C-alpha atoms as a PDB file:
ATOM      1  CA  MET A   1     108.683 124.319  97.011  1.00  0.00           C
ATOM      2  CA  TYR A   2     107.168 121.142  96.126  1.00  0.00           C
ATOM      3  CA  ILE A   3     107.462 120.316  92.294  1.00  0.00           C
ATOM      4  CA  HIS A   4     105.788 117.321  90.304  1.00  0.00           C
ATOM      5  CA  SER A   5     107.368 116.092  87.364  1.00  0.00           C
ATOM      6  CA  THR A   6     106.378 115.583  83.394  1.00  0.00           C
ATOM      7  CA  ASN A   7     106.101 114.495  80.601  1.00  0.00           C
ATOM      8  CA  ASN A   8     102.463 114.276  80.322  1.00  0.00           C
ATOM      9  CA  ILE A   9      99.555 117.321  81.580  1.00  0.00           C
ATOM     10  CA  ILE A  10      98.557 116.778  84.834  1.00  0.00           C
ATOM     11  CA  ASN A  11      95.356 115.408  85.078  1.00  0.00           C
ATOM     12  CA  LYS A  12      93.260 115.089  88.471  1.00  0.00           C
ATOM     13  CA  ASN A  13      91.386 112.486  86.965  1.00  0.00           C
ATOM     14  CA  ASN A  14      94.263 109.811  87.024  1.00  0.00           C
ATOM     15  CA  LEU A  15      94.664 110.299  90.340  1.00  0.00           C
ATOM     16  CA  ILE A  16      90.480 108.883  90.734  1.00  0.00           C
ATOM     17  CA  ASN A  17      90.146 105.154  91.859  1.00  0.00           C
ATOM     18  CA  VAL A  18      94.252 104.436  91.679  1.00  0.00           C
ATOM     19  CA  LYS A  19      95.168 100.899  91.992  1.00  0.00           C
ATOM     20  CA  GLN A  20      97.362 100.422  95.364  1.00  0.00           C
ATOM     21  CA  PRO A  21      99.551  97.760  95.724  1.00  0.00           C
ATOM     22  CA  VAL A  22     101.028  95.811  98.031  1.00  0.00           C
ATOM     23  CA  TYR A  23     104.775  96.140  97.790  1.00  0.00           C
ATOM     24  CA  LEU A  24     107.812  98.980  98.229  1.00  0.00           C
ATOM     25  CA  LYS A  25     106.398 101.878  96.879  1.00  0.00           C
ATOM     26  CA  PRO A  26     102.268 103.283  96.225  1.00  0.00           C
ATOM     27  CA  LYS A  27     100.867 104.551  92.746  1.00  0.00           C
ATOM     28  CA  GLY A  28     100.296 108.515  91.968  1.00  0.00           C
ATOM     29  CA  TYR A  29     101.653 112.213  91.493  1.00  0.00           C
ATOM     30  CA  TRP A  30     105.026 111.671  92.934  1.00  0.00           C
ATOM     31  CA  TYR A  31     106.747 115.547  94.530  1.00  0.00           C
ATOM     32  CA  ALA A  32     109.612 116.870  96.198  1.00  0.00           C
ATOM     33  CA  ASN A  33     110.641 119.681  97.363  1.00  0.00           C
ATOM     34  CA  ASN A  34     112.092 121.807  94.746  1.00  0.00           C
ATOM     35  CA  ASN A  35     114.776 120.091  91.686  1.00  0.00           C
ATOM     36  CA  ASP A  36     115.565 117.175  94.095  1.00  0.00           C
ATOM     37  CA  TRP A  37     114.079 114.843  92.482  1.00  0.00           C
ATOM     38  CA  ILE A  38     114.712 116.609  88.460  1.00  0.00           C
ATOM     39  CA  VAL A  39     118.849 116.797  89.590  1.00  0.00           C
ATOM     40  CA  TRP A  40     118.352 113.037  90.615  1.00  0.00           C
ATOM     41  CA  ALA A  41     116.693 111.957  88.226  1.00  0.00           C
ATOM     42  CA  LYS A  42     118.974 113.392  85.654  1.00  0.00           C
ATOM     43  CA  LYS A  43     121.688 111.831  86.948  1.00  0.00           C
ATOM     44  CA  ASN A  44     120.746 108.554  88.102  1.00  0.00           C
ATOM     45  CA  MET A  45     118.288 108.594  85.559  1.00  0.00           C
ATOM     46  CA  TYR A  46     119.209 110.216  82.781  1.00  0.00           C
ATOM     47  CA  THR A  47     116.097 111.151  82.342  1.00  0.00           C
ATOM     48  CA  THR A  48     114.207 114.686  81.574  1.00  0.00           C
ATOM     49  CA  TYR A  49     110.708 116.159  82.344  1.00  0.00           C
ATOM     50  CA  LYS A  50     108.848 118.341  80.097  1.00  0.00           C
ATOM     51  CA  TYR A  51     106.257 119.614  82.865  1.00  0.00           C
ATOM     52  CA  LYS A  52     106.508 121.360  86.291  1.00  0.00           C
ATOM     53  CA  TYR A  53     104.310 122.144  88.227  1.00  0.00           C
ATOM     54  CA  GLU A  54     104.255 123.557  91.534  1.00  0.00           C
ATOM     55  CA  VAL A  55     102.056 121.802  94.636  1.00  0.00           C
ATOM     56  CA  LYS A  56     100.727 122.684  97.920  1.00  0.00           C
ATOM     57  CA  ILE A  57     100.611 119.518  99.813  1.00  0.00           C
ATOM     58  CA  ASN A  58      97.989 119.193 102.694  1.00  0.00           C
ATOM     59  CA  TYR A  59      99.503 117.158 106.079  1.00  0.00           C
ATOM     60  CA  THR A  60      97.849 114.878 108.681  1.00  0.00           C
ATOM     61  CA  LYS A  61     100.394 112.058 111.433  1.00  0.00           C
ATOM     62  CA  LEU A  62     100.253 109.345 111.969  1.00  0.00           C
ATOM     63  CA  GLY A  63      97.348 108.175 113.899  1.00  0.00           C
ATOM     64  CA  VAL A  64      94.857 111.037 112.548  1.00  0.00           C
ATOM     65  CA  PRO A  65      93.311 109.268 109.172  1.00  0.00           C
ATOM     66  CA  ASP A  66      92.187 111.845 106.885  1.00  0.00           C
ATOM     67  CA  LYS A  67      92.047 110.110 103.362  1.00  0.00           C
ATOM     68  CA  HIS A  68      92.285 114.266 101.696  1.00  0.00           C
ATOM     69  CA  LYS A  69      95.556 114.537 103.193  1.00  0.00           C
ATOM     70  CA  ILE A  70      99.139 112.842 103.018  1.00  0.00           C
ATOM     71  CA  LEU A  71     100.250 111.188 105.407  1.00  0.00           C
ATOM     72  CA  LEU A  72     104.169 113.113 106.580  1.00  0.00           C
ATOM     73  CA  LEU A  73     106.089 110.924 108.166  1.00  0.00           C
ATOM     74  CA  LYS A  74     108.946 113.692 109.227  1.00  0.00           C
ATOM     75  CA  ASN A  75     111.335 110.733 111.774  1.00  0.00           C
ATOM     76  CA  ARG A  76     112.542 107.137 112.253  1.00  0.00           C
ATOM     77  CA  LYS A  77     110.343 107.168 115.640  1.00  0.00           C
ATOM     78  CA  ASP A  78     107.250 107.401 112.208  1.00  0.00           C
ATOM     79  CA  ILE A  79     109.044 105.414 109.153  1.00  0.00           C
ATOM     80  CA  ILE A  80     109.277 102.109 112.162  1.00  0.00           C
ATOM     81  CA  ASP A  81     105.569 102.987 113.673  1.00  0.00           C
ATOM     82  CA  PHE A  82     103.879 103.308 110.190  1.00  0.00           C
ATOM     83  CA  THR A  83     105.837  99.225 109.303  1.00  0.00           C
ATOM     84  CA  ILE A  84     104.950  97.827 111.807  1.00  0.00           C
ATOM     85  CA  LYS A  85     101.333  99.257 111.274  1.00  0.00           C
ATOM     86  CA  PHE A  86     101.272  98.589 107.335  1.00  0.00           C
ATOM     87  CA  GLY A  87     103.976  96.494 107.153  1.00  0.00           C
ATOM     88  CA  ASN A  88     103.827  92.653 105.354  1.00  0.00           C
ATOM     89  CA  LYS A  89     106.565  90.351 105.366  1.00  0.00           C
ATOM     90  CA  LEU A  90     108.180  88.924 101.344  1.00  0.00           C
ATOM     91  CA  LYS A  91     109.020  85.985 101.494  1.00  0.00           C
ATOM     92  CA  LYS A  92     112.997  87.418  99.320  1.00  0.00           C
ATOM     93  CA  LEU A  93     111.823  89.647  96.949  1.00  0.00           C
ATOM     94  CA  TYR A  94     114.746  88.403  94.117  1.00  0.00           C
ATOM     95  CA  ASP A  95     116.605  85.569  94.640  1.00  0.00           C
ATOM     96  CA  THR A  96     120.090  87.178  95.161  1.00  0.00           C
ATOM     97  CA  ASP A  97     118.528  89.000  97.717  1.00  0.00           C
ATOM     98  CA  PRO A  98     119.485  87.600 101.801  1.00  0.00           C
ATOM     99  CA  PHE A  99     116.387  87.153 103.755  1.00  0.00           C
ATOM    100  CA  ASP A 100     112.772  88.081 103.266  1.00  0.00           C
ATOM    101  CA  ILE A 101     111.811  91.929 102.823  1.00  0.00           C
ATOM    102  CA  ILE A 102     109.304  93.538 104.683  1.00  0.00           C
ATOM    103  CA  VAL A 103     106.883  96.078 101.820  1.00  0.00           C
ATOM    104  CA  ILE A 104     103.979  97.744 102.844  1.00  0.00           C
ATOM    105  CA  ASP A 105     100.599  97.244 102.419  1.00  0.00           C
ATOM    106  CA  TRP A 106      99.187 100.450 100.335  1.00  0.00           C
ATOM    107  CA  ILE A 107      96.036  99.228  99.800  1.00  0.00           C
ATOM    108  CA  GLU A 108      95.283  99.552 104.040  1.00  0.00           C
ATOM    109  CA  VAL A 109      97.488 103.267 103.907  1.00  0.00           C
ATOM    110  CA  ALA A 110      94.664 104.044 100.817  1.00  0.00           C
ATOM    111  CA  LYS A 111      91.324 103.706 103.425  1.00  0.00           C
ATOM    112  CA  LEU A 112      93.228 105.776 105.929  1.00  0.00           C
ATOM    113  CA  TYR A 113      95.591 108.749 103.637  1.00  0.00           C
ATOM    114  CA  GLY A 114      95.418 110.796 100.361  1.00  0.00           C
ATOM    115  CA  GLY A 115      99.088 110.300  99.782  1.00  0.00           C
ATOM    116  CA  ILE A 116     102.236 109.880 102.342  1.00  0.00           C
ATOM    117  CA  GLU A 117     105.431 111.533 102.365  1.00  0.00           C
ATOM    118  CA  ILE A 118     108.921 110.319 103.506  1.00  0.00           C
ATOM    119  CA  MET A 119     111.285 113.043 105.256  1.00  0.00           C
ATOM    120  CA  LEU A 120     113.576 110.048 105.773  1.00  0.00           C
ATOM    121  CA  THR A 121     115.195 107.527 103.329  1.00  0.00           C
ATOM    122  CA  ARG A 122     117.408 105.558 105.125  1.00  0.00           C
ATOM    123  CA  ILE A 123     116.654 104.336 108.731  1.00  0.00           C
ATOM    124  CA  GLU A 124     118.451 101.918 111.071  1.00  0.00           C
ATOM    125  CA  PRO A 125     117.583  98.220 111.610  1.00  0.00           C
ATOM    126  CA  SER A 126     115.020  98.187 114.532  1.00  0.00           C
ATOM    127  CA  SER A 127     114.878  95.496 116.432  1.00  0.00           C
ATOM    128  CA  LEU A 128     110.796  96.406 116.969  1.00  0.00           C
ATOM    129  CA  ILE A 129     110.663  95.659 113.509  1.00  0.00           C
ATOM    130  CA  ALA A 130     112.792  92.049 113.964  1.00  0.00           C
ATOM    131  CA  LYS A 131     110.620  91.005 116.322  1.00  0.00           C
ATOM    132  CA  LYS A 132     107.159  91.537 114.903  1.00  0.00           C
ATOM    133  CA  PHE A 133     108.201  89.991 111.204  1.00  0.00           C
ATOM    134  CA  LYS A 134     110.469  88.312 112.893  1.00  0.00           C
ATOM    135  CA  THR A 135     113.304  89.305 110.336  1.00  0.00           C
ATOM    136  CA  PRO A 136     117.143  88.378 111.574  1.00  0.00           C
ATOM    137  CA  LYS A 137     118.164  92.253 112.039  1.00  0.00           C
ATOM    138  CA  GLY A 138     115.632  94.170 111.232  1.00  0.00           C
ATOM    139  CA  TYR A 139     115.822  95.907 108.322  1.00  0.00           C
ATOM    140  CA  ILE A 140     113.608  99.092 106.932  1.00  0.00           C
ATOM    141  CA  LEU A 141     114.288  97.988 103.266  1.00  0.00           C
ATOM    142  CA  TRP A 142     110.994  99.658 101.766  1.00  0.00           C
ATOM    143  CA  ILE A 143     112.601 103.046 103.231  1.00  0.00           C
ATOM    144  CA  ASP A 144     115.582 101.889 100.801  1.00  0.00           C
ATOM    145  CA  SER A 145     112.964 102.439  97.837  1.00  0.00           C
ATOM    146  CA  PHE A 146     112.920 106.317  98.830  1.00  0.00           C
ATOM    147  CA  ASP A 147     115.504 107.701  96.389  1.00  0.00           C
ATOM    148  CA  ILE A 148     115.127 111.006  97.702  1.00  0.00           C
ATOM    149  CA  GLN A 149     113.274 112.364 100.186  1.00  0.00           C
ATOM    150  CA  CYS A 150     109.480 113.285  98.886  1.00  0.00           C
ATOM    151  CA  GLY A 151     105.940 112.221  98.759  1.00  0.00           C
ATOM    152  CA  CYS A 152     103.692 110.285  96.693  1.00  0.00           C
ATOM    153  CA  VAL A 153      99.751 111.689  95.936  1.00  0.00           C
ATOM    154  CA  TRP A 154      97.079 108.461  95.193  1.00  0.00           C
ATOM    155  CA  ASN A 155      93.316 110.941  96.011  1.00  0.00           C
ATOM    156  CA  VAL A 156      92.901 113.958  94.537  1.00  0.00           C
ATOM    157  CA  LYS A 157      91.341 116.047  97.032  1.00  0.00           C
ATOM    158  CA  SER A 158      95.151 115.599  98.579  1.00  0.00           C
ATOM    159  CA  PHE A 159      96.759 117.741  96.994  1.00  0.00           C
ATOM    160  CA  GLU A 160      96.239 121.772  94.712  1.00  0.00           C
ATOM    161  CA  VAL A 161      98.136 122.572  91.221  1.00  0.00           C
ATOM    162  CA  ILE A 162      98.851 125.808  91.977  1.00  0.00           C
ATOM    163  CA  LYS A 163     100.504 126.085  88.479  1.00  0.00           C
ATOM    164  CA  LYS A 164     102.961 125.408  85.959  1.00  0.00           C
ATOM    165  CA  ILE A 165     107.141 125.890  85.609  1.00  0.00           C
ATOM    166  CA  ASN A 166     109.822 126.587  82.761  1.00  0.00           C
END
């Protein structure tokens, strides 16, 4: 079961014309498996949520664009291929960063897909990434910004609210 947790009543109109960034994470409604996000947020951010909704997700895979479905990245290869296709090299995010980072062009992703779900939150560096973006080690830091296995929906037609849970 996938759950979207929020302090606001869910309003699908908020997912019309979502402006995406070129950054680490996309904008939209986030969801996670069961209570994974609720547990993580309470433990790490001392946050609780007023509303929980069970949502149904419609999937597609990389290379099969569908703006009404969520792109599911299941493994390391999916994440590397996705990063090569949609990644952008960004100069150091913070002065303390040891090297440039790779961010995702969520604007381009949103032209092809209605959202994204990540099944991994940490992966080993990739020589393919190092070569493509001319980074010293090929770290895929954008994936580290996903705290847990989760998804983000930005197209109203990519998911269905099953019921409110409380």
